[in-house]
Amino acid sequence: MTIAIGIILMLHGLVHLWYVVLNQGLVEFRPEMGWTGRSWILTNFLGADITQPLATIFYSLAAISFVIAGIGLITSQNWTRLWIIVASSISAASILLFWDGSFKYLVEKGAIGFLLNAAFLISTIWLGWPKP
């Protein structure tokens, strides 16, 4: 079971790279993909030229952190809990900060990922999972 959850953590992290691909324009954007490149809070304040690279950094950090957390879980490292908390926090912050404010295509914009992050945080912080 630990290996399966570790793989889920790593796969959840790799999903963040899709937003990096969209943000960098590596594939042609279509509205049904969800990512618009705009932030409901940051684009008007910082502009798109700063917001989009910032989104790339945040989503990349979330991806890397989840992969590290998954490896830590699979190999029973005592630092795993910290990495799950860090990865889930970065991911949740990314989803909230770089959401465009529209409820259209909410699943594609990370709603399920946000719920997964909440589940990881709750199980790690309040339930003390995984045991060191």
C-alpha atoms as a PDB file:
ATOM      1  CA  MET A   1       0.000   0.000   0.000  1.00  0.00           C
ATOM      2  CA  THR A   2       2.872   2.367   0.806  1.00  0.00           C
ATOM      3  CA  ILE A   3       4.365   1.864  -2.644  1.00  0.00           C
ATOM      4  CA  ALA A   4       1.002   2.553  -4.307  1.00  0.00           C
ATOM      5  CA  ILE A   5       0.533   5.787  -2.352  1.00  0.00           C
ATOM      6  CA  GLY A   6       4.119   6.800  -3.139  1.00  0.00           C
ATOM      7  CA  ILE A   7       3.409   6.289  -6.838  1.00  0.00           C
ATOM      8  CA  ILE A   8       0.190   8.324  -6.494  1.00  0.00           C
ATOM      9  CA  LEU A   9       2.190  11.149  -4.897  1.00  0.00           C
ATOM     10  CA  MET A  10       4.699  11.105  -7.762  1.00  0.00           C
ATOM     11  CA  LEU A  11       1.986  10.976 -10.435  1.00  0.00           C
ATOM     12  CA  HIS A  12       0.117  13.820  -8.752  1.00  0.00           C
ATOM     13  CA  GLY A  13       3.344  15.789  -8.918  1.00  0.00           C
ATOM     14  CA  LEU A  14       3.902  15.036 -12.580  1.00  0.00           C
ATOM     15  CA  VAL A  15       0.429  16.357 -13.427  1.00  0.00           C
ATOM     16  CA  HIS A  16       1.709  19.804 -12.453  1.00  0.00           C
ATOM     17  CA  LEU A  17       4.024  19.690 -15.440  1.00  0.00           C
ATOM     18  CA  TRP A  18       0.962  19.934 -17.710  1.00  0.00           C
ATOM     19  CA  TYR A  19       0.436  23.477 -16.425  1.00  0.00           C
ATOM     20  CA  VAL A  20       4.095  24.228 -17.109  1.00  0.00           C
ATOM     21  CA  VAL A  21       3.690  22.936 -20.681  1.00  0.00           C
ATOM     22  CA  LEU A  22       0.571  25.069 -21.198  1.00  0.00           C
ATOM     23  CA  ASN A  23       2.129  28.112 -19.553  1.00  0.00           C
ATOM     24  CA  GLN A  24       5.243  27.898 -21.708  1.00  0.00           C
ATOM     25  CA  GLY A  25       3.173  27.563 -24.883  1.00  0.00           C
ATOM     26  CA  LEU A  26       4.666  24.173 -25.766  1.00  0.00           C
ATOM     27  CA  VAL A  27       1.255  23.021 -27.015  1.00  0.00           C
ATOM     28  CA  GLU A  28      -1.443  25.011 -28.716  1.00  0.00           C
ATOM     29  CA  PHE A  29      -3.870  26.360 -26.137  1.00  0.00           C
ATOM     30  CA  ARG A  30      -7.564  25.495 -26.300  1.00  0.00           C
ATOM     31  CA  PRO A  31     -10.071  26.824 -23.735  1.00  0.00           C
ATOM     32  CA  GLU A  32     -11.210  23.329 -22.712  1.00  0.00           C
ATOM     33  CA  MET A  33      -7.694  22.664 -21.399  1.00  0.00           C
ATOM     34  CA  GLY A  34      -8.517  24.923 -18.453  1.00  0.00           C
ATOM     35  CA  TRP A  35      -5.329  26.916 -18.059  1.00  0.00           C
ATOM     36  CA  THR A  36      -5.751  30.455 -19.357  1.00  0.00           C
ATOM     37  CA  GLY A  37      -2.425  31.889 -18.254  1.00  0.00           C
ATOM     38  CA  ARG A  38      -4.222  34.472 -16.126  1.00  0.00           C
ATOM     39  CA  SER A  39      -4.413  34.744 -12.359  1.00  0.00           C
ATOM     40  CA  TRP A  40      -7.466  36.197 -10.654  1.00  0.00           C
ATOM     41  CA  ILE A  41      -5.192  38.008  -8.217  1.00  0.00           C
ATOM     42  CA  LEU A  42      -1.708  38.304  -9.700  1.00  0.00           C
ATOM     43  CA  THR A  43      -2.187  39.210 -13.378  1.00  0.00           C
ATOM     44  CA  ASN A  44      -3.815  42.575 -12.705  1.00  0.00           C
ATOM     45  CA  PHE A  45      -1.268  43.345  -9.990  1.00  0.00           C
ATOM     46  CA  LEU A  46       1.968  42.048 -11.563  1.00  0.00           C
ATOM     47  CA  GLY A  47       1.058  41.671 -15.222  1.00  0.00           C
ATOM     48  CA  ALA A  48       1.193  38.571 -17.409  1.00  0.00           C
ATOM     49  CA  ASP A  49       4.937  38.937 -18.066  1.00  0.00           C
ATOM     50  CA  ILE A  50       5.675  38.237 -14.399  1.00  0.00           C
ATOM     51  CA  THR A  51       2.683  36.049 -13.517  1.00  0.00           C
ATOM     52  CA  GLN A  52       3.303  33.394 -16.159  1.00  0.00           C
ATOM     53  CA  PRO A  53       6.970  32.718 -15.282  1.00  0.00           C
ATOM     54  CA  LEU A  54       5.980  32.727 -11.615  1.00  0.00           C
ATOM     55  CA  ALA A  55       3.338  30.078 -12.379  1.00  0.00           C
ATOM     56  CA  THR A  56       5.985  27.974 -14.120  1.00  0.00           C
ATOM     57  CA  ILE A  57       8.205  28.185 -11.043  1.00  0.00           C
ATOM     58  CA  PHE A  58       5.412  27.313  -8.604  1.00  0.00           C
ATOM     59  CA  TYR A  59       4.074  24.381 -10.631  1.00  0.00           C
ATOM     60  CA  SER A  60       7.598  23.075 -11.238  1.00  0.00           C
ATOM     61  CA  LEU A  61       8.381  23.226  -7.522  1.00  0.00           C
ATOM     62  CA  ALA A  62       5.154  21.370  -6.742  1.00  0.00           C
ATOM     63  CA  ALA A  63       6.043  18.661  -9.259  1.00  0.00           C
ATOM     64  CA  ILE A  64       9.565  18.214  -7.911  1.00  0.00           C
ATOM     65  CA  SER A  65       8.366  18.231  -4.299  1.00  0.00           C
ATOM     66  CA  PHE A  66       5.755  15.541  -4.900  1.00  0.00           C
ATOM     67  CA  VAL A  67       8.256  13.318  -6.683  1.00  0.00           C
ATOM     68  CA  ILE A  68      10.658  13.686  -3.745  1.00  0.00           C
ATOM     69  CA  ALA A  69       7.825  12.964  -1.287  1.00  0.00           C
ATOM     70  CA  GLY A  70       6.826   9.853  -3.232  1.00  0.00           C
ATOM     71  CA  ILE A  71      10.389   8.566  -3.310  1.00  0.00           C
ATOM     72  CA  GLY A  72      10.693   9.266   0.408  1.00  0.00           C
ATOM     73  CA  LEU A  73       7.512   7.354   1.152  1.00  0.00           C
ATOM     74  CA  ILE A  74       8.511   4.345  -0.962  1.00  0.00           C
ATOM     75  CA  THR A  75      11.956   4.216   0.653  1.00  0.00           C
ATOM     76  CA  SER A  76      10.601   4.855   4.206  1.00  0.00           C
ATOM     77  CA  GLN A  77      12.572   8.047   4.835  1.00  0.00           C
ATOM     78  CA  ASN A  78      11.964   9.990   8.054  1.00  0.00           C
ATOM     79  CA  TRP A  79      11.716  13.293   6.128  1.00  0.00           C
ATOM     80  CA  THR A  80       8.745  12.140   4.029  1.00  0.00           C
ATOM     81  CA  ARG A  81       6.057  13.892   6.095  1.00  0.00           C
ATOM     82  CA  LEU A  82       7.769  17.258   5.692  1.00  0.00           C
ATOM     83  CA  TRP A  83       7.980  16.836   1.916  1.00  0.00           C
ATOM     84  CA  ILE A  84       4.312  15.835   1.666  1.00  0.00           C
ATOM     85  CA  ILE A  85       3.361  18.966   3.605  1.00  0.00           C
ATOM     86  CA  VAL A  86       5.640  21.175   1.488  1.00  0.00           C
ATOM     87  CA  ALA A  87       4.472  19.672  -1.814  1.00  0.00           C
ATOM     88  CA  SER A  88       0.780  19.834  -0.914  1.00  0.00           C
ATOM     89  CA  SER A  89       1.115  23.415   0.311  1.00  0.00           C
ATOM     90  CA  ILE A  90       2.951  24.607  -2.806  1.00  0.00           C
ATOM     91  CA  SER A  91       0.450  22.834  -5.037  1.00  0.00           C
ATOM     92  CA  ALA A  92      -2.607  24.214  -3.214  1.00  0.00           C
ATOM     93  CA  ALA A  93      -1.130  27.726  -3.248  1.00  0.00           C
ATOM     94  CA  SER A  94      -0.385  27.390  -6.973  1.00  0.00           C
ATOM     95  CA  ILE A  95      -3.909  26.295  -7.773  1.00  0.00           C
ATOM     96  CA  LEU A  96      -5.392  29.177  -5.784  1.00  0.00           C
ATOM     97  CA  LEU A  97      -2.950  31.858  -6.921  1.00  0.00           C
ATOM     98  CA  PHE A  98      -2.980  30.998 -10.613  1.00  0.00           C
ATOM     99  CA  TRP A  99      -6.683  30.240 -10.959  1.00  0.00           C
ATOM    100  CA  ASP A 100      -8.301  32.644 -13.407  1.00  0.00           C
ATOM    101  CA  GLY A 101     -11.381  33.231 -11.241  1.00  0.00           C
ATOM    102  CA  SER A 102     -13.772  31.442 -13.597  1.00  0.00           C
ATOM    103  CA  PHE A 103     -15.724  28.358 -12.539  1.00  0.00           C
ATOM    104  CA  LYS A 104     -15.798  27.040 -16.104  1.00  0.00           C
ATOM    105  CA  TYR A 105     -13.576  23.948 -16.586  1.00  0.00           C
ATOM    106  CA  LEU A 106     -12.937  23.866 -12.836  1.00  0.00           C
ATOM    107  CA  VAL A 107     -11.712  20.257 -12.893  1.00  0.00           C
ATOM    108  CA  GLU A 108      -9.173  21.110 -15.601  1.00  0.00           C
ATOM    109  CA  LYS A 109      -8.038  24.083 -13.527  1.00  0.00           C
ATOM    110  CA  GLY A 110      -7.061  21.853 -10.625  1.00  0.00           C
ATOM    111  CA  ALA A 111     -10.140  21.364  -8.413  1.00  0.00           C
ATOM    112  CA  ILE A 112      -9.488  17.637  -7.971  1.00  0.00           C
ATOM    113  CA  GLY A 113      -5.802  18.315  -7.367  1.00  0.00           C
ATOM    114  CA  PHE A 114      -6.749  20.855  -4.712  1.00  0.00           C
ATOM    115  CA  LEU A 115      -8.901  18.227  -2.976  1.00  0.00           C
ATOM    116  CA  LEU A 116      -6.029  15.720  -3.149  1.00  0.00           C
ATOM    117  CA  ASN A 117      -3.721  18.300  -1.589  1.00  0.00           C
ATOM    118  CA  ALA A 118      -6.229  18.841   1.215  1.00  0.00           C
ATOM    119  CA  ALA A 119      -6.438  15.073   1.792  1.00  0.00           C
ATOM    120  CA  PHE A 120      -2.636  14.781   1.901  1.00  0.00           C
ATOM    121  CA  LEU A 121      -2.380  17.701   4.344  1.00  0.00           C
ATOM    122  CA  ILE A 122      -5.133  16.396   6.609  1.00  0.00           C
ATOM    123  CA  SER A 123      -3.732  12.880   6.696  1.00  0.00           C
ATOM    124  CA  THR A 124      -0.183  14.123   7.270  1.00  0.00           C
ATOM    125  CA  ILE A 125      -0.745  16.924   9.781  1.00  0.00           C
ATOM    126  CA  TRP A 126      -3.789  15.784  11.736  1.00  0.00           C
ATOM    127  CA  LEU A 127      -3.619  12.012  11.389  1.00  0.00           C
ATOM    128  CA  GLY A 128       0.166  11.746  11.628  1.00  0.00           C
ATOM    129  CA  TRP A 129       0.564   9.751   8.427  1.00  0.00           C
ATOM    130  CA  PRO A 130       2.989   8.338   7.421  1.00  0.00           C
ATOM    131  CA  LYS A 131       4.504   7.147  10.658  1.00  0.00           C
ATOM    132  CA  PRO A 132       8.245   7.878  10.859  1.00  0.00           C
END
